Amino acid sequence: MMAAAGANINEQQAESAFSTQSVIFDELYSGNTIINYKRERVRDHVLRLLAPGSSILELNSGTGEDALFFANRGHIVHATDISEGMQQELQRKVVLNGLEHHISTEICSYTQLYKIEKAGPYDHIFSNFAGLNCTGDLDKVLASFNNLLKPGGTVTLVILPKFCLWETLMIFKGKFRTAFRRFFSNKGATAHIEGVYFKCWYYNPSFIIKNLGDKFSVNGLEGLCTIVPPSYIEGFAEKHPKAYQFLKNKEDKLKTTWPWKYIGDYYIISLTKK
């Protein structure tokens, strides 16, 4: 009971943080070159898995940038999030873009997908930019996927691993807490947005593969911001465009190879239900 209560409190804190940020979220991040690079990488990865007119269940959908992207390409998206503020911003965009027949919304925690009103089954489950790192119960989330997917359906998750090369290099700038925060995060590392504190956890690809078990097979794994600096190194691409382009070209070539696919700020993993 204590663990469940703690998980609920952390979800409430994360919901409060992201709801507070929802009204400025797009303004903060839309002009960031590296964030746009990350979005393009993730979307290209997902598009390779989707048949025309696929049904997508999106977890932690945020303000709906990805939902709008896939809906504009003819897919049907059910966009879920625990943050009421994020859902309100998403709904505003849906109406503004005339996508009411392609995007539906629901406030639902991904740790309680058994409560979801629109249960599918879906062709694809999608979670971007480490939303799933905001729970210490990722195993429970993954356990719900089988019933929500059609046979042959696919999953794409973008997750923060336990080791990031760029983050570890922060030790040379004297930022020891940043450099080692992923190593000591078994009980959750403290994060904060808009002055609200909550916990996040880090998961290697092996955790995802183990918990989805023999009902799923891996069909893609690539590092994201392995060679390209993470987006929190503000202004790197804008200040050093030639260096950024060089690193981007290197990452695009090496993203699926060892060790690069394991040591990025994120990794993109996709699996197929057997």
Foldseek 3Di string as FASTA:
>chain_A
DVQVVQQVVQLVLVLVQLLVCQVCVCVVPVPQPQVVVLVVVQVVVVVVLDDAQFEEEEEQCFLPPVQVVVVVRRYAYEYEYQHPNRQVNNVVVCVVVVSPVRYHYDYDHLLVLVPDPCLALGQEYEYDDAPVQSGLVVLSSLVSNVSNHDAFHKYKYKFFALAAPLQLVCVVVVPVCSNHVSVPANVFGWDGHPRGIHGGHHHFPVVSDVSNPPQKDWDDKFARQRQQPDPVVDPPCVVPVVSNVVSVVVRVVPGRDPPSSGHHSIMMTMITGD
